PDB file of N, CA and C in Angstrom:
ATOM      1  N   ALA A   1      97.886  83.794  71.008  1.00  0.00           N
ATOM      2  CA  ALA A   1      98.778  84.920  71.229  1.00  0.00           C
ATOM      3  C   ALA A   1      99.693  84.607  72.394  1.00  0.00           C
ATOM      4  N   VAL A   2     100.850  85.221  72.367  1.00  0.00           N
ATOM      5  CA  VAL A   2     101.829  85.075  73.446  1.00  0.00           C
ATOM      6  C   VAL A   2     102.063  86.458  74.034  1.00  0.00           C
ATOM      7  N   PHE A   3     101.994  86.561  75.331  1.00  0.00           N
ATOM      8  CA  PHE A   3     102.286  87.819  76.016  1.00  0.00           C
ATOM      9  C   PHE A   3     103.468  87.584  76.932  1.00  0.00           C
ATOM     10  N   GLU A   4     104.449  88.464  76.847  1.00  0.00           N
ATOM     11  CA  GLU A   4     105.605  88.381  77.737  1.00  0.00           C
ATOM     12  C   GLU A   4     105.750  89.719  78.430  1.00  0.00           C
ATOM     13  N   GLY A   5     105.622  89.743  79.732  1.00  0.00           N
ATOM     14  CA  GLY A   5     105.600  90.987  80.495  1.00  0.00           C
ATOM     15  C   GLY A   5     106.961  91.435  81.003  1.00  0.00           C
ATOM     16  N   MET A   6     107.950  91.470  80.143  1.00  0.00           N
ATOM     17  CA  MET A   6     109.289  91.902  80.547  1.00  0.00           C
ATOM     18  C   MET A   6     109.276  93.410  80.800  1.00  0.00           C
ATOM     19  N   SER A   7     110.173  93.869  81.650  1.00  0.00           N
ATOM     20  CA  SER A   7     110.236  95.292  81.943  1.00  0.00           C
ATOM     21  C   SER A   7     111.670  95.802  81.887  1.00  0.00           C
ATOM     22  N   ALA A   8     111.773  97.114  81.658  1.00  0.00           N
ATOM     23  CA  ALA A   8     113.053  97.816  81.682  1.00  0.00           C
ATOM     24  C   ALA A   8     112.885  99.012  82.607  1.00  0.00           C
ATOM     25  N   TYR A   9     113.966  99.351  83.303  1.00  0.00           N
ATOM     26  CA  TYR A   9     113.906 100.506  84.199  1.00  0.00           C
ATOM     27  C   TYR A   9     115.222 101.266  84.132  1.00  0.00           C
ATOM     28  N   PRO A  10     115.197 102.553  84.488  1.00  0.00           N
ATOM     29  CA  PRO A  10     116.421 103.351  84.419  1.00  0.00           C
ATOM     30  C   PRO A  10     117.291 103.137  85.650  1.00  0.00           C
ATOM     31  N   LYS A  11     118.605 103.122  85.427  1.00  0.00           N
ATOM     32  CA  LYS A  11     119.554 103.047  86.539  1.00  0.00           C
ATOM     33  C   LYS A  11     120.862 103.667  86.068  1.00  0.00           C
ATOM     34  N   ASP A  12     121.303 104.711  86.750  1.00  0.00           N
ATOM     35  CA  ASP A  12     122.559 105.388  86.414  1.00  0.00           C
ATOM     36  C   ASP A  12     122.624 105.772  84.936  1.00  0.00           C
ATOM     37  N   ASP A  13     121.560 106.396  84.431  1.00  0.00           N
ATOM     38  CA  ASP A  13     121.473 106.843  83.032  1.00  0.00           C
ATOM     39  C   ASP A  13     121.564 105.705  82.022  1.00  0.00           C
ATOM     40  N   LYS A  14     121.267 104.493  82.438  1.00  0.00           N
ATOM     41  CA  LYS A  14     121.235 103.341  81.539  1.00  0.00           C
ATOM     42  C   LYS A  14     119.903 102.628  81.693  1.00  0.00           C
ATOM     43  N   ALA A  15     119.588 101.811  80.712  1.00  0.00           N
ATOM     44  CA  ALA A  15     118.382 100.997  80.780  1.00  0.00           C
ATOM     45  C   ALA A  15     118.762  99.606  81.265  1.00  0.00           C
ATOM     46  N   VAL A  16     118.016  99.113  82.228  1.00  0.00           N
ATOM     47  CA  VAL A  16     118.266  97.788  82.787  1.00  0.00           C
ATOM     48  C   VAL A  16     117.058  96.909  82.495  1.00  0.00           C
ATOM     49  N   LEU A  17     117.312  95.725  81.962  1.00  0.00           N
ATOM     50  CA  LEU A  17     116.237  94.765  81.700  1.00  0.00           C
ATOM     51  C   LEU A  17     116.114  93.825  82.886  1.00  0.00           C
ATOM     52  N   PHE A  18     114.899  93.525  83.263  1.00  0.00           N
ATOM     53  CA  PHE A  18     114.647  92.651  84.407  1.00  0.00           C
ATOM     54  C   PHE A  18     114.585  91.202  83.949  1.00  0.00           C
ATOM     55  N   ARG A  19     115.548  90.395  84.339  1.00  0.00           N
ATOM     56  CA  ARG A  19     115.618  88.945  84.111  1.00  0.00           C
ATOM     57  C   ARG A  19     115.310  88.548  82.668  1.00  0.00           C
ATOM     58  N   VAL A  20     116.040  89.146  81.727  1.00  0.00           N
ATOM     59  CA  VAL A  20     115.778  88.913  80.302  1.00  0.00           C
ATOM     60  C   VAL A  20     115.949  87.440  79.914  1.00  0.00           C
ATOM     61  N   LYS A  21     116.899  86.737  80.496  1.00  0.00           N
ATOM     62  CA  LYS A  21     117.102  85.322  80.150  1.00  0.00           C
ATOM     63  C   LYS A  21     115.915  84.468  80.587  1.00  0.00           C
ATOM     64  N   ASP A  22     115.357  84.767  81.741  1.00  0.00           N
ATOM     65  CA  ASP A  22     114.167  84.040  82.202  1.00  0.00           C
ATOM     66  C   ASP A  22     112.989  84.280  81.259  1.00  0.00           C
ATOM     67  N   HIS A  23     112.875  85.496  80.771  1.00  0.00           N
ATOM     68  CA  HIS A  23     111.780  85.828  79.853  1.00  0.00           C
ATOM     69  C   HIS A  23     111.955  85.122  78.517  1.00  0.00           C
ATOM     70  N   ALA A  24     113.188  84.991  78.062  1.00  0.00           N
ATOM     71  CA  ALA A  24     113.441  84.270  76.810  1.00  0.00           C
ATOM     72  C   ALA A  24     112.981  82.825  76.932  1.00  0.00           C
ATOM     73  N   GLU A  25     113.288  82.195  78.050  1.00  0.00           N
ATOM     74  CA  GLU A  25     112.862  80.809  78.267  1.00  0.00           C
ATOM     75  C   GLU A  25     111.339  80.705  78.356  1.00  0.00           C
ATOM     76  N   ARG A  26     110.732  81.649  79.049  1.00  0.00           N
ATOM     77  CA  ARG A  26     109.283  81.611  79.242  1.00  0.00           C
ATOM     78  C   ARG A  26     108.523  81.835  77.929  1.00  0.00           C
ATOM     79  N   ILE A  27     109.009  82.754  77.096  1.00  0.00           N
ATOM     80  CA  ILE A  27     108.303  82.998  75.832  1.00  0.00           C
ATOM     81  C   ILE A  27     108.381  81.767  74.936  1.00  0.00           C
ATOM     82  N   ASN A  28     109.511  81.068  74.987  1.00  0.00           N
ATOM     83  CA  ASN A  28     109.634  79.855  74.176  1.00  0.00           C
ATOM     84  C   ASN A  28     108.729  78.734  74.679  1.00  0.00           C
ATOM     85  N   LYS A  29     108.531  78.643  75.970  1.00  0.00           N
ATOM     86  CA  LYS A  29     107.583  77.659  76.503  1.00  0.00           C
ATOM     87  C   LYS A  29     106.171  77.975  76.009  1.00  0.00           C
ATOM     88  N   SER A  30     105.832  79.251  75.988  1.00  0.00           N
ATOM     89  CA  SER A  30     104.511  79.656  75.497  1.00  0.00           C
ATOM     90  C   SER A  30     104.375  79.357  74.008  1.00  0.00           C
ATOM     91  N   LEU A  31     105.421  79.630  73.246  1.00  0.00           N
ATOM     92  CA  LEU A  31     105.387  79.361  71.806  1.00  0.00           C
ATOM     93  C   LEU A  31     105.235  77.868  71.531  1.00  0.00           C
ATOM     94  N   GLU A  32     105.957  77.046  72.282  1.00  0.00           N
ATOM     95  CA  GLU A  32     105.841  75.592  72.113  1.00  0.00           C
ATOM     96  C   GLU A  32     104.421  75.122  72.411  1.00  0.00           C
ATOM     97  N   ARG A  33     103.834  75.649  73.478  1.00  0.00           N
ATOM     98  CA  ARG A  33     102.485  75.263  73.879  1.00  0.00           C
ATOM     99  C   ARG A  33     101.468  75.594  72.786  1.00  0.00           C
ATOM    100  N   LEU A  34     101.738  76.668  72.037  1.00  0.00           N
ATOM    101  CA  LEU A  34     100.837  77.089  70.962  1.00  0.00           C
ATOM    102  C   LEU A  34     101.240  76.506  69.608  1.00  0.00           C
ATOM    103  N   ALA A  35     102.200  75.592  69.609  1.00  0.00           N
ATOM    104  CA  ALA A  35     102.694  74.963  68.379  1.00  0.00           C
ATOM    105  C   ALA A  35     103.216  75.997  67.382  1.00  0.00           C
ATOM    106  N   MET A  36     103.883  77.013  67.911  1.00  0.00           N
ATOM    107  CA  MET A  36     104.505  78.053  67.093  1.00  0.00           C
ATOM    108  C   MET A  36     106.017  77.866  67.122  1.00  0.00           C
ATOM    109  N   PRO A  37     106.712  78.355  66.115  1.00  0.00           N
ATOM    110  CA  PRO A  37     108.176  78.244  66.121  1.00  0.00           C
ATOM    111  C   PRO A  37     108.779  79.012  67.300  1.00  0.00           C
ATOM    112  N   THR A  38     109.799  78.449  67.901  1.00  0.00           N
ATOM    113  CA  THR A  38     110.481  79.121  69.007  1.00  0.00           C
ATOM    114  C   THR A  38     111.547  80.071  68.462  1.00  0.00           C
ATOM    115  N   ILE A  39     112.056  80.903  69.352  1.00  0.00           N
ATOM    116  CA  ILE A  39     113.091  81.887  69.032  1.00  0.00           C
ATOM    117  C   ILE A  39     114.342  81.485  69.799  1.00  0.00           C
ATOM    118  N   PRO A  40     115.486  81.359  69.156  1.00  0.00           N
ATOM    119  CA  PRO A  40     116.702  81.057  69.917  1.00  0.00           C
ATOM    120  C   PRO A  40     116.886  82.083  71.047  1.00  0.00           C
ATOM    121  N   ASN A  41     117.167  81.600  72.251  1.00  0.00           N
ATOM    122  CA  ASN A  41     117.282  82.488  73.414  1.00  0.00           C
ATOM    123  C   ASN A  41     118.260  83.637  73.169  1.00  0.00           C
ATOM    124  N   GLU A  42     119.380  83.333  72.535  1.00  0.00           N
ATOM    125  CA  GLU A  42     120.377  84.370  72.273  1.00  0.00           C
ATOM    126  C   GLU A  42     119.832  85.444  71.332  1.00  0.00           C
ATOM    127  N   LEU A  43     119.109  85.035  70.296  1.00  0.00           N
ATOM    128  CA  LEU A  43     118.513  85.993  69.356  1.00  0.00           C
ATOM    129  C   LEU A  43     117.467  86.852  70.061  1.00  0.00           C
ATOM    130  N   PHE A  44     116.629  86.233  70.882  1.00  0.00           N
ATOM    131  CA  PHE A  44     115.618  86.968  71.643  1.00  0.00           C
ATOM    132  C   PHE A  44     116.289  88.017  72.526  1.00  0.00           C
ATOM    133  N   THR A  45     117.296  87.584  73.283  1.00  0.00           N
ATOM    134  CA  THR A  45     117.985  88.478  74.218  1.00  0.00           C
ATOM    135  C   THR A  45     118.664  89.627  73.485  1.00  0.00           C
ATOM    136  N   GLU A  46     119.406  89.320  72.434  1.00  0.00           N
ATOM    137  CA  GLU A  46     120.088  90.367  71.670  1.00  0.00           C
ATOM    138  C   GLU A  46     119.091  91.346  71.050  1.00  0.00           C
ATOM    139  N   SER A  47     117.983  90.829  70.566  1.00  0.00           N
ATOM    140  CA  SER A  47     116.969  91.683  69.936  1.00  0.00           C
ATOM    141  C   SER A  47     116.348  92.639  70.939  1.00  0.00           C
ATOM    142  N   ILE A  48     116.012  92.138  72.106  1.00  0.00           N
ATOM    143  CA  ILE A  48     115.418  92.989  73.143  1.00  0.00           C
ATOM    144  C   ILE A  48     116.413  94.054  73.596  1.00  0.00           C
ATOM    145  N   ILE A  49     117.673  93.678  73.762  1.00  0.00           N
ATOM    146  CA  ILE A  49     118.697  94.649  74.169  1.00  0.00           C
ATOM    147  C   ILE A  49     118.817  95.758  73.126  1.00  0.00           C
ATOM    148  N   GLU A  50     118.848  95.398  71.849  1.00  0.00           N
ATOM    149  CA  GLU A  50     118.938  96.403  70.789  1.00  0.00           C
ATOM    150  C   GLU A  50     117.696  97.291  70.756  1.00  0.00           C
ATOM    151  N   LEU A  51     116.523  96.693  70.931  1.00  0.00           N
ATOM    152  CA  LEU A  51     115.283  97.474  70.944  1.00  0.00           C
ATOM    153  C   LEU A  51     115.301  98.496  72.081  1.00  0.00           C
ATOM    154  N   ILE A  52     115.718  98.078  73.252  1.00  0.00           N
ATOM    155  CA  ILE A  52     115.758  98.990  74.400  1.00  0.00           C
ATOM    156  C   ILE A  52     116.787 100.096  74.189  1.00  0.00           C
ATOM    157  N   LYS A  53     117.899  99.789  73.557  1.00  0.00           N
ATOM    158  CA  LYS A  53     118.882 100.838  73.237  1.00  0.00           C
ATOM    159  C   LYS A  53     118.252 101.901  72.342  1.00  0.00           C
ATOM    160  N   LEU A  54     117.470 101.457  71.362  1.00  0.00           N
ATOM    161  CA  LEU A  54     116.822 102.396  70.435  1.00  0.00           C
ATOM    162  C   LEU A  54     115.691 103.183  71.089  1.00  0.00           C
ATOM    163  N   GLU A  55     114.975 102.544  71.998  1.00  0.00           N
ATOM    164  CA  GLU A  55     113.768 103.145  72.569  1.00  0.00           C
ATOM    165  C   GLU A  55     113.928 103.560  74.029  1.00  0.00           C
ATOM    166  N   LYS A  56     115.164 103.718  74.498  1.00  0.00           N
ATOM    167  CA  LYS A  56     115.398 103.992  75.924  1.00  0.00           C
ATOM    168  C   LYS A  56     114.749 105.288  76.405  1.00  0.00           C
ATOM    169  N   ASP A  57     114.511 106.230  75.497  1.00  0.00           N
ATOM    170  CA  ASP A  57     113.879 107.490  75.905  1.00  0.00           C
ATOM    171  C   ASP A  57     112.434 107.300  76.360  1.00  0.00           C
ATOM    172  N   TRP A  58     111.825 106.161  76.032  1.00  0.00           N
ATOM    173  CA  TRP A  58     110.453 105.878  76.459  1.00  0.00           C
ATOM    174  C   TRP A  58     110.401 105.341  77.894  1.00  0.00           C
ATOM    175  N   ILE A  59     111.535 104.986  78.453  1.00  0.00           N
ATOM    176  CA  ILE A  59     111.554 104.462  79.828  1.00  0.00           C
ATOM    177  C   ILE A  59     111.345 105.626  80.789  1.00  0.00           C
ATOM    178  N   PRO A  60     110.333 105.540  81.641  1.00  0.00           N
ATOM    179  CA  PRO A  60     110.086 106.635  82.595  1.00  0.00           C
ATOM    180  C   PRO A  60     111.304 106.843  83.498  1.00  0.00           C
ATOM    181  N   LYS A  61     111.602 108.090  83.795  1.00  0.00           N
ATOM    182  CA  LYS A  61     112.772 108.429  84.613  1.00  0.00           C
ATOM    183  C   LYS A  61     112.486 108.414  86.116  1.00  0.00           C
ATOM    184  N   LYS A  62     111.231 108.408  86.484  1.00  0.00           N
ATOM    185  CA  LYS A  62     110.841 108.463  87.897  1.00  0.00           C
ATOM    186  C   LYS A  62     111.197 107.140  88.601  1.00  0.00           C
ATOM    187  N   ASP A  63     111.744 107.250  89.822  1.00  0.00           N
ATOM    188  CA  ASP A  63     112.074 106.047  90.598  1.00  0.00           C
ATOM    189  C   ASP A  63     110.857 105.149  90.748  1.00  0.00           C
ATOM    190  N   GLY A  64     111.083 103.862  90.570  1.00  0.00           N
ATOM    191  CA  GLY A  64     110.002 102.893  90.709  1.00  0.00           C
ATOM    192  C   GLY A  64     109.151 102.737  89.464  1.00  0.00           C
ATOM    193  N   SER A  65     109.508 103.438  88.373  1.00  0.00           N
ATOM    194  CA  SER A  65     108.762 103.345  87.124  1.00  0.00           C
ATOM    195  C   SER A  65     109.437 102.365  86.183  1.00  0.00           C
ATOM    196  N   TYR A  66     108.644 101.710  85.350  1.00  0.00           N
ATOM    197  CA  TYR A  66     109.146 100.700  84.430  1.00  0.00           C
ATOM    198  C   TYR A  66     108.493 100.864  83.070  1.00  0.00           C
ATOM    199  N   LEU A  67     109.180 100.391  82.040  1.00  0.00           N
ATOM    200  CA  LEU A  67     108.622 100.251  80.717  1.00  0.00           C
ATOM    201  C   LEU A  67     108.362  98.768  80.516  1.00  0.00           C
ATOM    202  N   TYR A  68     107.117  98.395  80.240  1.00  0.00           N
ATOM    203  CA  TYR A  68     106.773  96.985  80.036  1.00  0.00           C
ATOM    204  C   TYR A  68     106.656  96.684  78.576  1.00  0.00           C
TER     205      TYR A  68
END
């Protein structure tokens, strides 16, 4: 299994992803180590951005809170 602990947090009524490009690289390193197919970094990044747009209401509004 691969676990990627990326987070999103609210800022100015928008969702902000924390270092999404770094997470794309890290998940691919994990996939390679497990001999699984990798995901193109651009596809990973675009997919996560779209997912967060759809699910932004799940991001806690309280300062210092994150959606993992």
